[in-house]
Amino acid sequence: MPLSYQAAGRADLCNNAMEYLKAASHEEICGYLASKIRRERTQRKESQEAFAKRAGVALRTFKRLEIDGRGHLDTFVKVLKALDKVICPR
């Protein structure tokens, strides 16, 4: 069954992101993820404090994650869950 136009568009975005991530350095990937998290939060008009509380993450920890993408995997997972985001399936 062929993909719908909308599903095909999402697949293209995932493929483009995967190509970028394959070629990027560790620091670039962390920065990329941080910018995506920050953009999602600001689009929702939610403060860092409110978001961190909702995600179950200390505010200082969340600020560090959002600045440069560095943090523990469990912090990243909590943030993704709070954003209701999933990783693109392959």
PDB file of N, CA and C in Angstrom:
ATOM      1  N   MET A   1       0.852  -1.186   0.000  1.00  0.00           N
ATOM      2  CA  MET A   1       0.000   0.000   0.000  1.00  0.00           C
ATOM      3  C   MET A   1       0.895   1.246   0.000  1.00  0.00           C
ATOM      4  N   PRO A   2       0.696   2.173  -0.932  1.00  0.00           N
ATOM      5  CA  PRO A   2       1.536   3.368  -0.994  1.00  0.00           C
ATOM      6  C   PRO A   2       1.274   4.304   0.178  1.00  0.00           C
ATOM      7  N   LEU A   3       2.301   5.084   0.535  1.00  0.00           N
ATOM      8  CA  LEU A   3       2.160   6.069   1.595  1.00  0.00           C
ATOM      9  C   LEU A   3       1.284   7.220   1.127  1.00  0.00           C
ATOM     10  N   SER A   4       0.519   7.790   2.033  1.00  0.00           N
ATOM     11  CA  SER A   4      -0.243   8.989   1.692  1.00  0.00           C
ATOM     12  C   SER A   4       0.741  10.139   1.521  1.00  0.00           C
ATOM     13  N   TYR A   5       0.284  11.231   0.937  1.00  0.00           N
ATOM     14  CA  TYR A   5       1.137  12.398   0.730  1.00  0.00           C
ATOM     15  C   TYR A   5       1.702  12.886   2.061  1.00  0.00           C
ATOM     16  N   GLN A   6       0.850  12.965   3.092  1.00  0.00           N
ATOM     17  CA  GLN A   6       1.281  13.448   4.392  1.00  0.00           C
ATOM     18  C   GLN A   6       2.290  12.474   5.011  1.00  0.00           C
ATOM     19  N   ALA A   7       2.032  11.195   4.941  1.00  0.00           N
ATOM     20  CA  ALA A   7       2.958  10.205   5.491  1.00  0.00           C
ATOM     21  C   ALA A   7       4.271  10.219   4.728  1.00  0.00           C
ATOM     22  N   ALA A   8       4.203  10.388   3.411  1.00  0.00           N
ATOM     23  CA  ALA A   8       5.422  10.455   2.606  1.00  0.00           C
ATOM     24  C   ALA A   8       6.243  11.684   2.996  1.00  0.00           C
ATOM     25  N   GLY A   9       5.588  12.795   3.273  1.00  0.00           N
ATOM     26  CA  GLY A   9       6.282  14.005   3.711  1.00  0.00           C
ATOM     27  C   GLY A   9       6.999  13.795   5.026  1.00  0.00           C
ATOM     28  N   ARG A  10       6.349  13.114   5.963  1.00  0.00           N
ATOM     29  CA  ARG A  10       6.989  12.804   7.243  1.00  0.00           C
ATOM     30  C   ARG A  10       8.177  11.880   7.032  1.00  0.00           C
ATOM     31  N   ALA A  11       8.033  10.917   6.157  1.00  0.00           N
ATOM     32  CA  ALA A  11       9.131   9.986   5.873  1.00  0.00           C
ATOM     33  C   ALA A  11      10.317  10.743   5.282  1.00  0.00           C
ATOM     34  N   ASP A  12      10.054  11.702   4.378  1.00  0.00           N
ATOM     35  CA  ASP A  12      11.128  12.505   3.796  1.00  0.00           C
ATOM     36  C   ASP A  12      11.841  13.319   4.872  1.00  0.00           C
ATOM     37  N   LEU A  13      11.070  13.914   5.785  1.00  0.00           N
ATOM     38  CA  LEU A  13      11.680  14.684   6.870  1.00  0.00           C
ATOM     39  C   LEU A  13      12.555  13.797   7.732  1.00  0.00           C
ATOM     40  N   CYS A  14      12.075  12.609   8.054  1.00  0.00           N
ATOM     41  CA  CYS A  14      12.868  11.677   8.856  1.00  0.00           C
ATOM     42  C   CYS A  14      14.132  11.273   8.110  1.00  0.00           C
ATOM     43  N   ASN A  15      14.018  11.005   6.824  1.00  0.00           N
ATOM     44  CA  ASN A  15      15.184  10.624   6.033  1.00  0.00           C
ATOM     45  C   ASN A  15      16.199  11.757   5.968  1.00  0.00           C
ATOM     46  N   ASN A  16      15.726  13.000   5.766  1.00  0.00           N
ATOM     47  CA  ASN A  16      16.631  14.144   5.727  1.00  0.00           C
ATOM     48  C   ASN A  16      17.337  14.322   7.067  1.00  0.00           C
ATOM     49  N   ALA A  17      16.591  14.181   8.162  1.00  0.00           N
ATOM     50  CA  ALA A  17      17.178  14.301   9.489  1.00  0.00           C
ATOM     51  C   ALA A  17      18.207  13.199   9.714  1.00  0.00           C
ATOM     52  N   MET A  18      17.916  11.995   9.279  1.00  0.00           N
ATOM     53  CA  MET A  18      18.851  10.883   9.450  1.00  0.00           C
ATOM     54  C   MET A  18      20.132  11.131   8.656  1.00  0.00           C
ATOM     55  N   GLU A  19      20.020  11.664   7.452  1.00  0.00           N
ATOM     56  CA  GLU A  19      21.212  11.959   6.653  1.00  0.00           C
ATOM     57  C   GLU A  19      22.072  13.004   7.350  1.00  0.00           C
ATOM     58  N   TYR A  20      21.438  14.042   7.899  1.00  0.00           N
ATOM     59  CA  TYR A  20      22.173  15.069   8.633  1.00  0.00           C
ATOM     60  C   TYR A  20      22.882  14.453   9.835  1.00  0.00           C
ATOM     61  N   LEU A  21      22.151  13.631  10.598  1.00  0.00           N
ATOM     62  CA  LEU A  21      22.712  13.052  11.808  1.00  0.00           C
ATOM     63  C   LEU A  21      23.872  12.100  11.513  1.00  0.00           C
ATOM     64  N   LYS A  22      23.807  11.402  10.396  1.00  0.00           N
ATOM     65  CA  LYS A  22      24.898  10.493  10.025  1.00  0.00           C
ATOM     66  C   LYS A  22      26.197  11.263   9.764  1.00  0.00           C
ATOM     67  N   ALA A  23      26.093  12.440   9.203  1.00  0.00           N
ATOM     68  CA  ALA A  23      27.270  13.215   8.832  1.00  0.00           C
ATOM     69  C   ALA A  23      27.738  14.169   9.934  1.00  0.00           C
ATOM     70  N   ALA A  24      26.917  14.394  10.941  1.00  0.00           N
ATOM     71  CA  ALA A  24      27.203  15.401  11.961  1.00  0.00           C
ATOM     72  C   ALA A  24      28.129  14.859  13.048  1.00  0.00           C
ATOM     73  N   SER A  25      28.827  15.782  13.704  1.00  0.00           N
ATOM     74  CA  SER A  25      29.666  15.429  14.851  1.00  0.00           C
ATOM     75  C   SER A  25      28.778  15.242  16.078  1.00  0.00           C
ATOM     76  N   HIS A  26      29.352  14.701  17.124  1.00  0.00           N
ATOM     77  CA  HIS A  26      28.634  14.513  18.384  1.00  0.00           C
ATOM     78  C   HIS A  26      28.069  15.846  18.894  1.00  0.00           C
ATOM     79  N   GLU A  27      28.888  16.890  18.852  1.00  0.00           N
ATOM     80  CA  GLU A  27      28.458  18.203  19.343  1.00  0.00           C
ATOM     81  C   GLU A  27      27.328  18.769  18.481  1.00  0.00           C
ATOM     82  N   GLU A  28      27.417  18.574  17.172  1.00  0.00           N
ATOM     83  CA  GLU A  28      26.367  19.065  16.271  1.00  0.00           C
ATOM     84  C   GLU A  28      25.049  18.339  16.525  1.00  0.00           C
ATOM     85  N   ILE A  29      25.111  17.050  16.783  1.00  0.00           N
ATOM     86  CA  ILE A  29      23.893  16.287  17.070  1.00  0.00           C
ATOM     87  C   ILE A  29      23.263  16.771  18.362  1.00  0.00           C
ATOM     88  N   CYS A  30      24.082  16.964  19.399  1.00  0.00           N
ATOM     89  CA  CYS A  30      23.560  17.469  20.670  1.00  0.00           C
ATOM     90  C   CYS A  30      22.907  18.835  20.488  1.00  0.00           C
ATOM     91  N   GLY A  31      23.552  19.713  19.727  1.00  0.00           N
ATOM     92  CA  GLY A  31      22.986  21.037  19.462  1.00  0.00           C
ATOM     93  C   GLY A  31      21.696  20.964  18.667  1.00  0.00           C
ATOM     94  N   TYR A  32      21.652  20.065  17.699  1.00  0.00           N
ATOM     95  CA  TYR A  32      20.449  19.862  16.879  1.00  0.00           C
ATOM     96  C   TYR A  32      19.276  19.427  17.756  1.00  0.00           C
ATOM     97  N   LEU A  33      19.525  18.451  18.621  1.00  0.00           N
ATOM     98  CA  LEU A  33      18.457  17.961  19.496  1.00  0.00           C
ATOM     99  C   LEU A  33      18.008  19.049  20.470  1.00  0.00           C
ATOM    100  N   ALA A  34      18.957  19.811  20.999  1.00  0.00           N
ATOM    101  CA  ALA A  34      18.622  20.907  21.912  1.00  0.00           C
ATOM    102  C   ALA A  34      17.735  21.939  21.222  1.00  0.00           C
ATOM    103  N   SER A  35      18.066  22.273  19.979  1.00  0.00           N
ATOM    104  CA  SER A  35      17.267  23.279  19.261  1.00  0.00           C
ATOM    105  C   SER A  35      15.860  22.765  18.980  1.00  0.00           C
ATOM    106  N   LYS A  36      15.733  21.468  18.692  1.00  0.00           N
ATOM    107  CA  LYS A  36      14.404  20.899  18.447  1.00  0.00           C
ATOM    108  C   LYS A  36      13.563  20.924  19.728  1.00  0.00           C
ATOM    109  N   ILE A  37      14.172  20.587  20.845  1.00  0.00           N
ATOM    110  CA  ILE A  37      13.469  20.598  22.131  1.00  0.00           C
ATOM    111  C   ILE A  37      13.026  22.017  22.464  1.00  0.00           C
ATOM    112  N   ARG A  38      13.953  22.977  22.342  1.00  0.00           N
ATOM    113  CA  ARG A  38      13.641  24.381  22.648  1.00  0.00           C
ATOM    114  C   ARG A  38      12.513  24.897  21.752  1.00  0.00           C
ATOM    115  N   ARG A  39      12.582  24.575  20.444  1.00  0.00           N
ATOM    116  CA  ARG A  39      11.551  25.035  19.516  1.00  0.00           C
ATOM    117  C   ARG A  39      10.178  24.468  19.883  1.00  0.00           C
ATOM    118  N   GLU A  40      10.135  23.192  20.191  1.00  0.00           N
ATOM    119  CA  GLU A  40       8.857  22.571  20.574  1.00  0.00           C
ATOM    120  C   GLU A  40       8.282  23.228  21.828  1.00  0.00           C
ATOM    121  N   ARG A  41       9.146  23.463  22.820  1.00  0.00           N
ATOM    122  CA  ARG A  41       8.666  24.062  24.070  1.00  0.00           C
ATOM    123  C   ARG A  41       8.181  25.486  23.848  1.00  0.00           C
ATOM    124  N   THR A  42       8.941  26.279  23.109  1.00  0.00           N
ATOM    125  CA  THR A  42       8.542  27.669  22.901  1.00  0.00           C
ATOM    126  C   THR A  42       7.300  27.788  22.024  1.00  0.00           C
ATOM    127  N   GLN A  43       7.123  26.870  21.080  1.00  0.00           N
ATOM    128  CA  GLN A  43       5.903  26.882  20.270  1.00  0.00           C
ATOM    129  C   GLN A  43       4.672  26.637  21.133  1.00  0.00           C
ATOM    130  N   ARG A  44       4.869  25.888  22.203  1.00  0.00           N
ATOM    131  CA  ARG A  44       3.765  25.621  23.141  1.00  0.00           C
ATOM    132  C   ARG A  44       3.595  26.741  24.160  1.00  0.00           C
ATOM    133  N   LYS A  45       4.478  27.749  24.068  1.00  0.00           N
ATOM    134  CA  LYS A  45       4.438  28.905  24.974  1.00  0.00           C
ATOM    135  C   LYS A  45       4.529  28.476  26.441  1.00  0.00           C
ATOM    136  N   GLU A  46       5.428  27.529  26.692  1.00  0.00           N
ATOM    137  CA  GLU A  46       5.617  27.002  28.042  1.00  0.00           C
ATOM    138  C   GLU A  46       6.988  27.435  28.556  1.00  0.00           C
ATOM    139  N   SER A  47       7.036  27.892  29.786  1.00  0.00           N
ATOM    140  CA  SER A  47       8.311  28.315  30.371  1.00  0.00           C
ATOM    141  C   SER A  47       9.195  27.097  30.635  1.00  0.00           C
ATOM    142  N   GLN A  48      10.483  27.351  30.766  1.00  0.00           N
ATOM    143  CA  GLN A  48      11.400  26.262  31.106  1.00  0.00           C
ATOM    144  C   GLN A  48      11.012  25.651  32.444  1.00  0.00           C
ATOM    145  N   GLU A  49      10.675  26.485  33.389  1.00  0.00           N
ATOM    146  CA  GLU A  49      10.308  26.009  34.725  1.00  0.00           C
ATOM    147  C   GLU A  49       9.075  25.108  34.677  1.00  0.00           C
ATOM    148  N   ALA A  50       8.040  25.553  33.984  1.00  0.00           N
ATOM    149  CA  ALA A  50       6.807  24.758  33.894  1.00  0.00           C
ATOM    150  C   ALA A  50       7.051  23.452  33.150  1.00  0.00           C
ATOM    151  N   PHE A  51       7.813  23.518  32.063  1.00  0.00           N
ATOM    152  CA  PHE A  51       8.075  22.313  31.291  1.00  0.00           C
ATOM    153  C   PHE A  51       8.893  21.306  32.097  1.00  0.00           C
ATOM    154  N   ALA A  52       9.961  21.787  32.755  1.00  0.00           N
ATOM    155  CA  ALA A  52      10.812  20.895  33.548  1.00  0.00           C
ATOM    156  C   ALA A  52       9.996  20.196  34.631  1.00  0.00           C
ATOM    157  N   LYS A  53       9.115  20.938  35.269  1.00  0.00           N
ATOM    158  CA  LYS A  53       8.268  20.351  36.313  1.00  0.00           C
ATOM    159  C   LYS A  53       7.357  19.279  35.719  1.00  0.00           C
ATOM    160  N   ARG A  54       6.749  19.577  34.606  1.00  0.00           N
ATOM    161  CA  ARG A  54       5.842  18.621  33.957  1.00  0.00           C
ATOM    162  C   ARG A  54       6.588  17.373  33.494  1.00  0.00           C
ATOM    163  N   ALA A  55       7.843  17.547  33.060  1.00  0.00           N
ATOM    164  CA  ALA A  55       8.652  16.424  32.587  1.00  0.00           C
ATOM    165  C   ALA A  55       9.260  15.622  33.735  1.00  0.00           C
ATOM    166  N   GLY A  56       9.228  16.177  34.936  1.00  0.00           N
ATOM    167  CA  GLY A  56       9.830  15.488  36.068  1.00  0.00           C
ATOM    168  C   GLY A  56      11.346  15.586  36.082  1.00  0.00           C
ATOM    169  N   VAL A  57      11.844  16.740  35.610  1.00  0.00           N
ATOM    170  CA  VAL A  57      13.286  16.974  35.502  1.00  0.00           C
ATOM    171  C   VAL A  57      13.607  18.252  36.276  1.00  0.00           C
ATOM    172  N   ALA A  58      14.732  18.261  36.971  1.00  0.00           N
ATOM    173  CA  ALA A  58      15.150  19.470  37.678  1.00  0.00           C
ATOM    174  C   ALA A  58      15.339  20.608  36.671  1.00  0.00           C
ATOM    175  N   LEU A  59      14.970  21.812  37.066  1.00  0.00           N
ATOM    176  CA  LEU A  59      15.061  22.962  36.171  1.00  0.00           C
ATOM    177  C   LEU A  59      16.488  23.160  35.664  1.00  0.00           C
ATOM    178  N   ARG A  60      17.460  23.084  36.538  1.00  0.00           N
ATOM    179  CA  ARG A  60      18.855  23.269  36.123  1.00  0.00           C
ATOM    180  C   ARG A  60      19.266  22.216  35.087  1.00  0.00           C
ATOM    181  N   THR A  61      18.841  20.988  35.302  1.00  0.00           N
ATOM    182  CA  THR A  61      19.146  19.899  34.363  1.00  0.00           C
ATOM    183  C   THR A  61      18.504  20.169  33.014  1.00  0.00           C
ATOM    184  N   PHE A  62      17.245  20.610  33.030  1.00  0.00           N
ATOM    185  CA  PHE A  62      16.554  20.896  31.775  1.00  0.00           C
ATOM    186  C   PHE A  62      17.212  22.051  31.033  1.00  0.00           C
ATOM    187  N   LYS A  63      17.592  23.100  31.759  1.00  0.00           N
ATOM    188  CA  LYS A  63      18.246  24.236  31.113  1.00  0.00           C
ATOM    189  C   LYS A  63      19.526  23.801  30.410  1.00  0.00           C
ATOM    190  N   ARG A  64      20.324  22.953  31.075  1.00  0.00           N
ATOM    191  CA  ARG A  64      21.556  22.458  30.446  1.00  0.00           C
ATOM    192  C   ARG A  64      21.231  21.651  29.197  1.00  0.00           C
ATOM    193  N   LEU A  65      20.212  20.797  29.272  1.00  0.00           N
ATOM    194  CA  LEU A  65      19.833  19.987  28.112  1.00  0.00           C
ATOM    195  C   LEU A  65      19.393  20.879  26.959  1.00  0.00           C
ATOM    196  N   GLU A  66      18.611  21.891  27.258  1.00  0.00           N
ATOM    197  CA  GLU A  66      18.091  22.760  26.212  1.00  0.00           C
ATOM    198  C   GLU A  66      19.161  23.681  25.623  1.00  0.00           C
ATOM    199  N   ILE A  67      20.182  23.987  26.380  1.00  0.00           N
ATOM    200  CA  ILE A  67      21.256  24.857  25.890  1.00  0.00           C
ATOM    201  C   ILE A  67      22.131  24.140  24.866  1.00  0.00           C
ATOM    202  N   ASP A  68      22.611  22.950  25.223  1.00  0.00           N
ATOM    203  CA  ASP A  68      23.553  22.293  24.319  1.00  0.00           C
ATOM    204  C   ASP A  68      23.253  20.822  24.043  1.00  0.00           C
ATOM    205  N   GLY A  69      22.139  20.328  24.557  1.00  0.00           N
ATOM    206  CA  GLY A  69      21.745  18.961  24.260  1.00  0.00           C
ATOM    207  C   GLY A  69      22.454  17.902  25.077  1.00  0.00           C
ATOM    208  N   ARG A  70      23.227  18.318  26.037  1.00  0.00           N
ATOM    209  CA  ARG A  70      23.960  17.347  26.846  1.00  0.00           C
ATOM    210  C   ARG A  70      23.157  16.995  28.095  1.00  0.00           C
ATOM    211  N   GLY A  71      23.167  15.730  28.416  1.00  0.00           N
ATOM    212  CA  GLY A  71      22.471  15.257  29.602  1.00  0.00           C
ATOM    213  C   GLY A  71      22.417  13.748  29.586  1.00  0.00           C
ATOM    214  N   HIS A  72      21.790  13.211  30.582  1.00  0.00           N
ATOM    215  CA  HIS A  72      21.639  11.760  30.670  1.00  0.00           C
ATOM    216  C   HIS A  72      20.501  11.292  29.768  1.00  0.00           C
ATOM    217  N   LEU A  73      20.592  10.062  29.335  1.00  0.00           N
ATOM    218  CA  LEU A  73      19.565   9.491  28.470  1.00  0.00           C
ATOM    219  C   LEU A  73      18.199   9.515  29.149  1.00  0.00           C
ATOM    220  N   ASP A  74      18.127   9.236  30.441  1.00  0.00           N
ATOM    221  CA  ASP A  74      16.832   9.248  31.117  1.00  0.00           C
ATOM    222  C   ASP A  74      16.202  10.636  31.100  1.00  0.00           C
ATOM    223  N   THR A  75      17.024  11.689  31.162  1.00  0.00           N
ATOM    224  CA  THR A  75      16.507  13.053  31.061  1.00  0.00           C
ATOM    225  C   THR A  75      15.923  13.286  29.677  1.00  0.00           C
ATOM    226  N   PHE A  76      16.649  12.866  28.647  1.00  0.00           N
ATOM    227  CA  PHE A  76      16.182  13.021  27.269  1.00  0.00           C
ATOM    228  C   PHE A  76      14.865  12.282  27.053  1.00  0.00           C
ATOM    229  N   VAL A  77      14.751  11.071  27.588  1.00  0.00           N
ATOM    230  CA  VAL A  77      13.520  10.289  27.437  1.00  0.00           C
ATOM    231  C   VAL A  77      12.359  10.978  28.144  1.00  0.00           C
ATOM    232  N   LYS A  78      12.592  11.488  29.335  1.00  0.00           N
ATOM    233  CA  LYS A  78      11.530  12.208  30.058  1.00  0.00           C
ATOM    234  C   LYS A  78      11.054  13.427  29.267  1.00  0.00           C
ATOM    235  N   VAL A  79      11.997  14.139  28.678  1.00  0.00           N
ATOM    236  CA  VAL A  79      11.654  15.323  27.881  1.00  0.00           C
ATOM    237  C   VAL A  79      10.853  14.916  26.653  1.00  0.00           C
ATOM    238  N   LEU A  80      11.288  13.876  25.951  1.00  0.00           N
ATOM    239  CA  LEU A  80      10.530  13.409  24.775  1.00  0.00           C
ATOM    240  C   LEU A  80       9.114  13.004  25.162  1.00  0.00           C
ATOM    241  N   LYS A  81       8.979  12.302  26.274  1.00  0.00           N
ATOM    242  CA  LYS A  81       7.644  11.887  26.714  1.00  0.00           C
ATOM    243  C   LYS A  81       6.779  13.103  27.039  1.00  0.00           C
ATOM    244  N   ALA A  82       7.376  14.110  27.669  1.00  0.00           N
ATOM    245  CA  ALA A  82       6.622  15.329  28.000  1.00  0.00           C
ATOM    246  C   ALA A  82       6.213  16.080  26.734  1.00  0.00           C
ATOM    247  N   LEU A  83       7.016  15.961  25.674  1.00  0.00           N
ATOM    248  CA  LEU A  83       6.671  16.603  24.403  1.00  0.00           C
ATOM    249  C   LEU A  83       5.724  15.752  23.567  1.00  0.00           C
ATOM    250  N   ASP A  84       5.454  14.540  24.031  1.00  0.00           N
ATOM    251  CA  ASP A  84       4.628  13.580  23.266  1.00  0.00           C
ATOM    252  C   ASP A  84       5.247  13.298  21.925  1.00  0.00           C
ATOM    253  N   LYS A  85       6.575  13.127  21.904  1.00  0.00           N
ATOM    254  CA  LYS A  85       7.302  12.864  20.659  1.00  0.00           C
ATOM    255  C   LYS A  85       7.795  11.430  20.633  1.00  0.00           C
ATOM    256  N   VAL A  86       7.895  10.914  19.423  1.00  0.00           N
ATOM    257  CA  VAL A  86       8.473   9.601  19.209  1.00  0.00           C
ATOM    258  C   VAL A  86       9.584   9.725  18.184  1.00  0.00           C
ATOM    259  N   ILE A  87      10.473   8.755  18.178  1.00  0.00           N
ATOM    260  CA  ILE A  87      11.538   8.726  17.186  1.00  0.00           C
ATOM    261  C   ILE A  87      10.957   8.150  15.904  1.00  0.00           C
ATOM    262  N   CYS A  88      11.344   8.689  14.755  1.00  0.00           N
ATOM    263  CA  CYS A  88      10.844   8.233  13.468  1.00  0.00           C
ATOM    264  C   CYS A  88      11.146   6.749  13.281  1.00  0.00           C
ATOM    265  N   PRO A  89      10.138   5.943  12.957  1.00  0.00           N
ATOM    266  CA  PRO A  89      10.387   4.524  12.737  1.00  0.00           C
ATOM    267  C   PRO A  89      11.131   4.302  11.427  1.00  0.00           C
ATOM    268  N   ARG A  90      11.855   3.233  11.351  1.00  0.00           N
ATOM    269  CA  ARG A  90      12.574   2.862  10.131  1.00  0.00           C
ATOM    270  C   ARG A  90      11.875   1.726   9.480  1.00  0.00           C
TER     271      ARG A  90
END
